[in-house]
Amino acid sequence: MRSALFAATAFFSLASQTAFADDAPYVDDRSDSAAVVRSLYSAINRHEFARAWGYYGDTKPAKDFDAFVKGYDGTDKVEVETGAVSDEGAAGSIFYNVPVAIRATDKDGKQAVFAGCYTLRQVSAQIQEPPFSPIFIDKGALKPSTADFEEALPASCGDGPLPPKKDTALEQAKKAFAATYGDKCDKELLAQEPELFSIKYKDKDAAAGDPDRETRLFHFSCSAAAYNESSIYYMSDEVSGVRQLQFTEPEMDIRYENSDSNGKLLGMTIIGFKTSGWAVNSDFDEDTRTISTFNKWRGVGDASDSGTYLFRNGDFSLVQYDVDASYDGEENPQTVVDYNTAP
């Protein structure tokens, strides 16, 4: 039986696109069934066809290895998503059903989406004799899909209960965060799930009886230094989709006696405004619908800046900004922006 991947993408070509193969990550993980599927596509994207062939059991995806390789003649890359796995036991084995969606792109940029299920088998390790057989692909059935790749993944395989609906906005926010800040954040914090908040509100132009609107807020922790923790926020709603929250901050001209920050503070003047995607020592208060930030300029906290951002009609606005520039051993911030009375 030919594999679903082979049958679905045989019209693409791989040629000699070594640049993509060099960039594609190496994944060889047999710890669970979905990981095996992802490893298969890692091998294909890297042109490591012997490794890809090895993820199948006795039922191979083509009549021979040469035919299997030829089936990818011209493919540039194949992206894969896996869904909620179901399993059942039978005679010393466990069979796993894995929902799969792929997007194949040829060297000319043409794309096609396929979706369906793979069945994988794990023979009980306790009854095996050498050579040991890890989890392997037993069969697969992918068919062309007219859905967008992000929506093509089957909800389930077989007769099992439907898993929870995929949280598309959350997944988009996580991908955007990883793509933008993956090399800027602490690895242990990158692995954490974000905090999720739902903000329900009435649109300012809503008519009587109109339903509430919803904005979702995703709080990602990014880095933790000696006395400051930095975070990134994303928002999502049905109109604007997923976007990173930007924080407005005043640009300050701060004057000290003898031009030394250890000297007496002479005065502070706002000379403009800027935006930043970073929120330092931040917190979201669900009751007041405000995000607060507090950036320590040094560990004792006697010099700092802090902002308060209020959610109004679908977005966050700066309502107060305080600056303590004195470096005098005491916390004595001055309010330099106060829009608390704005509508």
Protein backbone atom coordinates (compact mmCIF):
# COMPACT_ATOMS: atom_id res chain seq x y z
CA MET A 1 0.00 0.00 0.00
CA ARG A 2 1.38 3.40 -0.94
CA SER A 3 1.53 5.88 1.91
CA ALA A 4 -0.85 8.82 1.99
CA LEU A 5 2.03 11.26 1.92
CA PHE A 6 3.52 9.63 -1.16
CA ALA A 7 0.22 9.37 -2.99
CA ALA A 8 -0.87 12.88 -2.08
CA THR A 9 2.32 14.68 -3.06
CA ALA A 10 3.72 12.59 -5.89
CA PHE A 11 3.03 15.36 -8.39
CA PHE A 12 5.50 17.66 -6.61
CA SER A 13 9.27 17.51 -7.11
CA LEU A 14 12.26 17.73 -4.82
CA ALA A 15 15.07 18.25 -7.35
CA SER A 16 18.26 19.50 -5.68
CA GLN A 17 16.96 22.21 -3.36
CA THR A 18 19.69 21.71 -0.80
CA ALA A 19 19.24 25.14 0.80
CA PHE A 20 15.91 24.15 2.33
CA ALA A 21 17.21 20.73 3.34
CA ASP A 22 20.07 22.37 5.24
CA ASP A 23 17.67 24.72 7.06
CA ALA A 24 15.02 22.14 7.98
CA PRO A 25 15.30 21.00 11.62
CA TYR A 26 16.38 17.42 12.34
CA VAL A 27 13.65 15.63 14.28
CA ASP A 28 13.94 11.90 15.05
CA ASP A 29 11.53 11.20 17.88
CA ARG A 30 9.71 7.90 18.46
CA SER A 31 8.48 8.73 21.95
CA ASP A 32 4.85 8.87 20.76
CA SER A 33 2.84 8.39 17.58
CA ALA A 34 2.46 12.07 16.67
CA ALA A 35 6.21 12.56 17.12
CA VAL A 36 6.84 9.74 14.62
CA VAL A 37 4.67 11.51 12.03
CA ARG A 38 6.50 14.78 12.58
CA SER A 39 9.82 12.92 12.31
CA LEU A 40 8.74 11.47 8.96
CA TYR A 41 8.23 14.93 7.52
CA SER A 42 11.47 16.16 9.04
CA ALA A 43 13.28 13.43 7.14
CA ILE A 44 11.46 14.27 3.90
CA ASN A 45 12.19 17.98 4.19
CA ARG A 46 15.87 17.21 4.78
CA HIS A 47 15.96 14.75 1.81
CA GLU A 48 16.88 11.92 4.22
CA PHE A 49 14.72 9.38 2.44
CA ALA A 50 16.26 6.28 3.99
CA ARG A 51 15.31 7.67 7.41
CA ALA A 52 11.79 8.48 6.17
CA TRP A 53 11.46 4.94 4.74
CA GLY A 54 12.47 3.55 8.15
CA TYR A 55 9.46 5.02 9.94
CA TYR A 56 7.21 2.52 8.15
CA GLY A 57 6.68 -1.08 9.19
CA ASP A 58 6.41 -4.08 6.86
CA THR A 59 3.79 -2.28 4.75
CA LYS A 60 5.88 0.21 2.82
CA PRO A 61 4.59 3.39 1.15
CA ALA A 62 5.79 2.41 -2.36
CA LYS A 63 6.76 -0.73 -4.29
CA ASP A 64 10.44 -0.06 -3.56
CA PHE A 65 12.75 2.60 -2.15
CA ASP A 66 13.64 4.11 -5.55
CA ALA A 67 9.96 4.65 -6.33
CA PHE A 68 9.49 6.23 -2.90
CA VAL A 69 12.28 8.74 -3.55
CA LYS A 70 11.05 9.50 -7.06
CA GLY A 71 7.65 10.37 -5.60
CA TYR A 72 9.12 13.55 -4.14
CA ASP A 73 10.78 14.66 -7.37
CA GLY A 74 10.28 18.43 -7.17
CA THR A 75 8.86 19.08 -3.70
CA ASP A 76 10.31 22.11 -1.93
CA LYS A 77 8.86 21.50 1.50
CA VAL A 78 6.02 19.81 3.37
CA GLU A 79 4.50 21.32 6.53
CA VAL A 80 2.58 19.13 8.94
CA GLU A 81 0.08 19.51 11.77
CA THR A 82 -1.06 16.65 14.01
CA GLY A 83 -4.21 16.51 16.13
CA ALA A 84 -5.63 14.67 19.13
CA VAL A 85 -4.52 11.03 19.09
CA SER A 86 -6.84 8.10 19.87
CA ASP A 87 -5.63 4.57 20.62
CA GLU A 88 -6.81 1.00 21.11
CA GLY A 89 -5.09 -2.19 22.21
CA ALA A 90 -5.10 -5.50 20.37
CA ALA A 91 -3.08 -8.72 20.86
CA GLY A 92 0.09 -7.31 22.36
CA SER A 93 0.00 -4.08 20.35
CA ILE A 94 -1.37 -0.58 20.66
CA PHE A 95 -2.73 1.10 17.55
CA TYR A 96 -2.71 4.89 17.40
CA ASN A 97 -4.88 6.99 15.09
CA VAL A 98 -3.32 10.38 14.37
CA PRO A 99 -5.21 13.20 12.57
CA VAL A 100 -2.85 14.81 10.07
CA ALA A 101 -2.90 17.81 7.74
CA ILE A 102 -0.06 18.69 5.39
CA ARG A 103 0.71 21.58 3.07
CA ALA A 104 3.06 20.67 0.25
CA THR A 105 4.89 23.40 -1.66
CA ASP A 106 6.67 22.75 -4.94
CA LYS A 107 9.75 24.58 -6.22
CA ASP A 108 7.54 27.04 -8.13
CA GLY A 109 5.65 27.98 -4.98
CA LYS A 110 2.47 26.05 -5.81
CA GLN A 111 0.78 24.71 -2.70
CA ALA A 112 -1.69 21.91 -2.03
CA VAL A 113 -3.33 20.83 1.23
CA PHE A 114 -4.13 17.23 2.21
CA ALA A 115 -5.79 15.86 5.33
CA GLY A 116 -6.67 12.52 6.87
CA CYS A 117 -5.34 10.00 9.36
CA TYR A 118 -2.29 7.86 9.95
CA THR A 119 -2.44 4.60 11.89
CA LEU A 120 0.69 3.69 13.85
CA ARG A 121 1.47 0.53 15.77
CA GLN A 122 3.50 -0.09 18.89
CA VAL A 123 4.29 -3.72 19.64
CA SER A 124 4.70 -4.38 23.37
CA ALA A 125 8.39 -4.17 24.20
CA GLN A 126 8.01 -6.99 26.74
CA ILE A 127 7.15 -9.58 24.10
CA GLN A 128 9.70 -8.53 21.47
CA GLU A 129 12.96 -10.24 20.58
CA PRO A 130 15.91 -8.56 18.89
CA PRO A 131 15.97 -6.57 16.75
CA PHE A 132 13.67 -4.22 18.69
CA SER A 133 10.88 -2.52 16.73
CA PRO A 134 9.83 0.96 17.91
CA ILE A 135 6.54 2.69 17.04
CA PHE A 136 6.05 2.57 13.27
CA ILE A 137 3.61 3.80 10.65
CA ASP A 138 1.21 1.04 9.65
CA LYS A 139 -0.93 2.88 7.10
CA GLY A 140 -2.25 6.30 6.16
CA ALA A 141 -5.03 7.92 4.16
CA LEU A 142 -4.73 11.58 3.22
CA LYS A 143 -6.99 13.22 0.65
CA PRO A 144 -6.89 16.63 -1.05
CA SER A 145 -8.56 19.32 1.05
CA THR A 146 -10.11 22.61 -0.08
CA ALA A 147 -9.76 24.07 3.44
CA ASP A 148 -6.95 26.40 4.42
CA PHE A 149 -4.03 24.56 5.98
CA GLU A 150 -4.77 26.08 9.40
CA GLU A 151 -8.33 24.70 9.28
CA ALA A 152 -7.80 21.39 7.46
CA LEU A 153 -6.78 19.22 10.41
CA PRO A 154 -9.46 16.55 11.12
CA ALA A 155 -11.10 16.85 14.52
CA SER A 156 -10.55 13.15 15.22
CA CYS A 157 -9.93 9.74 13.70
CA GLY A 158 -12.16 6.72 14.19
CA ASP A 159 -15.25 6.62 16.40
CA GLY A 160 -13.77 8.23 19.51
CA PRO A 161 -15.17 11.39 21.11
CA LEU A 162 -14.34 14.69 19.43
CA PRO A 163 -11.48 16.56 21.11
CA PRO A 164 -11.90 20.18 22.14
CA LYS A 165 -11.96 22.60 19.22
CA LYS A 166 -8.54 23.95 18.36
CA ASP A 167 -7.88 27.41 19.77
CA THR A 168 -6.73 29.05 16.55
CA ALA A 169 -6.08 32.49 18.06
CA LEU A 170 -3.95 31.01 20.84
CA GLU A 171 -1.93 28.97 18.37
CA GLN A 172 -1.37 32.02 16.17
CA ALA A 173 -0.23 34.07 19.16
CA LYS A 174 2.17 31.32 20.25
CA LYS A 175 3.64 31.04 16.76
CA ALA A 176 4.04 34.81 16.48
CA PHE A 177 5.73 34.97 19.89
CA ALA A 178 8.11 32.11 19.07
CA ALA A 179 8.97 33.56 15.66
CA THR A 180 9.65 37.08 16.96
CA TYR A 181 11.14 36.42 20.39
CA GLY A 182 12.39 32.84 20.25
CA ASP A 183 16.01 33.98 20.27
CA LYS A 184 15.45 36.79 22.77
CA CYS A 185 13.72 35.01 25.67
CA ASP A 186 14.84 32.57 28.35
CA LYS A 187 14.38 28.98 27.14
CA GLU A 188 12.55 27.85 30.26
CA LEU A 189 10.07 30.71 29.92
CA LEU A 190 9.57 30.06 26.20
CA ALA A 191 8.33 26.59 27.12
CA GLN A 192 5.60 27.94 29.41
CA GLU A 193 2.02 28.39 28.30
CA PRO A 194 0.83 32.02 28.28
CA GLU A 195 -1.73 33.44 30.68
CA LEU A 196 -5.10 33.83 28.97
CA PHE A 197 -7.71 36.51 29.67
CA SER A 198 -11.09 37.24 28.11
CA ILE A 199 -12.39 40.81 28.16
CA LYS A 200 -16.09 41.26 27.35
CA TYR A 201 -17.36 44.76 26.60
CA LYS A 202 -19.97 46.79 24.79
CA ASP A 203 -18.79 48.57 21.65
CA LYS A 204 -19.09 52.34 21.95
CA ASP A 205 -21.31 52.39 18.86
CA ALA A 206 -23.39 49.37 19.88
CA ALA A 207 -27.15 49.59 19.65
CA ALA A 208 -29.45 48.42 22.41
CA GLY A 209 -29.58 44.65 22.43
CA ASP A 210 -26.30 44.15 20.55
CA PRO A 211 -24.21 41.33 22.03
CA ASP A 212 -21.00 41.92 23.93
CA ARG A 213 -17.76 41.93 22.02
CA GLU A 214 -14.72 39.98 23.19
CA THR A 215 -11.02 40.74 23.15
CA ARG A 216 -8.63 38.02 24.28
CA LEU A 217 -5.32 38.84 25.94
CA PHE A 218 -2.29 36.51 25.91
CA HIS A 219 0.50 37.22 28.40
CA PHE A 220 3.87 35.59 27.56
CA SER A 221 6.71 35.68 30.07
CA CYS A 222 9.99 36.26 28.24
CA SER A 223 12.98 36.93 30.48
CA ALA A 224 13.87 37.28 34.14
CA ALA A 225 16.90 39.34 35.17
CA ALA A 226 18.11 40.32 38.65
CA TYR A 227 15.24 42.70 39.40
CA ASN A 228 13.20 43.05 36.21
CA GLU A 229 10.99 40.52 34.43
CA SER A 230 10.01 41.23 30.84
CA SER A 231 6.80 40.10 29.16
CA ILE A 232 5.11 40.27 25.77
CA TYR A 233 1.36 40.64 25.24
CA TYR A 234 -0.78 39.67 22.26
CA MET A 235 -4.43 40.54 21.69
CA SER A 236 -7.07 38.97 19.48
CA ASP A 237 -10.57 39.89 18.35
CA GLU A 238 -12.84 39.03 15.44
CA VAL A 239 -12.05 42.25 13.57
CA SER A 240 -8.27 42.67 13.86
CA GLY A 241 -7.20 39.08 14.49
CA VAL A 242 -4.02 38.44 16.49
CA ARG A 243 -1.66 41.37 17.04
CA GLN A 244 1.07 42.31 19.50
CA LEU A 245 0.17 44.92 22.08
CA GLN A 246 2.33 48.03 21.95
CA PHE A 247 2.81 50.22 25.03
CA THR A 248 3.02 53.99 24.65
CA GLU A 249 5.77 55.60 26.72
CA PRO A 250 6.93 59.23 27.04
CA GLU A 251 10.45 60.14 26.00
CA MET A 252 12.01 62.14 28.81
CA ASP A 253 14.66 64.84 28.96
CA ILE A 254 16.02 64.45 32.51
CA ARG A 255 18.45 67.05 33.90
CA TYR A 256 20.78 66.56 36.88
CA GLU A 257 23.10 68.90 38.70
CA ASN A 258 26.57 68.61 37.15
CA SER A 259 25.03 66.35 34.47
CA ASP A 260 25.48 63.41 36.82
CA SER A 261 22.59 61.11 37.69
CA ASN A 262 24.02 60.85 41.20
CA GLY A 263 23.58 64.59 41.55
CA LYS A 264 20.44 66.48 42.46
CA LEU A 265 17.51 66.08 40.08
CA LEU A 266 16.81 69.44 38.46
CA GLY A 267 13.83 68.60 36.33
CA MET A 268 12.12 66.33 33.79
CA THR A 269 10.43 67.26 30.51
CA ILE A 270 8.47 65.15 28.04
CA ILE A 271 9.97 65.65 24.56
CA GLY A 272 7.85 63.07 22.70
CA PHE A 273 6.26 59.64 22.82
CA LYS A 274 7.33 56.20 21.60
CA THR A 275 5.96 52.65 21.68
CA SER A 276 7.47 49.45 22.96
CA GLY A 277 6.42 45.82 22.77
CA TRP A 278 8.10 45.05 26.10
CA ALA A 279 6.26 45.19 29.42
CA VAL A 280 8.52 45.11 32.50
CA ASN A 281 7.32 43.70 35.84
CA SER A 282 3.81 43.79 34.42
CA ASP A 283 0.44 42.68 35.72
CA PHE A 284 -3.08 42.58 34.28
CA ASP A 285 -5.89 43.42 36.73
CA GLU A 286 -9.10 41.83 35.47
CA ASP A 287 -11.30 43.94 37.76
CA THR A 288 -9.97 47.30 36.58
CA ARG A 289 -9.00 46.08 33.12
CA THR A 290 -5.58 47.66 33.40
CA ILE A 291 -2.05 46.52 32.64
CA SER A 292 0.56 48.02 34.93
CA THR A 293 4.31 48.10 34.33
CA PHE A 294 7.14 48.93 36.74
CA ASN A 295 10.67 49.19 35.36
CA LYS A 296 13.39 49.44 38.01
CA TRP A 297 16.44 51.40 36.88
CA ARG A 298 18.46 49.72 39.59
CA GLY A 299 17.85 46.99 42.14
CA VAL A 300 16.88 49.11 45.15
CA GLY A 301 14.01 50.58 43.15
CA ASP A 302 14.72 54.20 44.01
CA ALA A 303 14.79 55.10 40.29
CA SER A 304 12.15 53.74 37.97
CA ASP A 305 9.34 54.35 35.52
CA SER A 306 5.87 52.85 35.57
CA GLY A 307 2.82 52.93 33.34
CA THR A 308 -0.88 52.19 33.66
CA TYR A 309 -2.76 51.12 30.53
CA LEU A 310 -6.57 50.97 30.56
CA PHE A 311 -8.66 48.79 28.26
CA ARG A 312 -11.20 50.96 26.46
CA ASN A 313 -13.32 49.92 23.49
CA GLY A 314 -11.10 47.14 22.21
CA ASP A 315 -7.61 48.45 22.95
CA PHE A 316 -5.29 49.53 25.76
CA SER A 317 -4.47 53.22 26.22
CA LEU A 318 -1.89 54.93 28.40
CA VAL A 319 -3.67 56.71 31.26
CA GLN A 320 -0.82 57.37 33.70
CA TYR A 321 2.95 57.36 33.63
CA ASP A 322 5.21 57.96 36.62
CA VAL A 323 8.96 58.52 36.67
CA ASP A 324 11.31 58.42 39.64
CA ALA A 325 14.67 59.70 38.43
CA SER A 326 16.17 60.83 41.73
CA TYR A 327 18.49 57.93 42.70
CA ASP A 328 18.14 59.11 46.29
CA GLY A 329 17.49 55.82 48.08
CA GLU A 330 13.75 56.50 48.30
CA GLU A 331 10.75 55.73 46.13
CA ASN A 332 9.27 59.11 45.21
CA PRO A 333 7.88 58.93 41.67
CA GLN A 334 6.41 61.93 39.88
CA THR A 335 3.40 61.64 37.60
CA VAL A 336 4.38 62.97 34.18
CA VAL A 337 1.31 61.74 32.24
CA ASP A 338 -2.21 61.77 33.65
CA TYR A 339 -5.11 60.93 31.36
CA ASN A 340 -7.26 59.36 34.06
CA THR A 341 -10.06 61.83 33.45
CA ALA A 342 -10.19 61.17 29.70
CA PRO A 343 -13.43 59.53 28.49
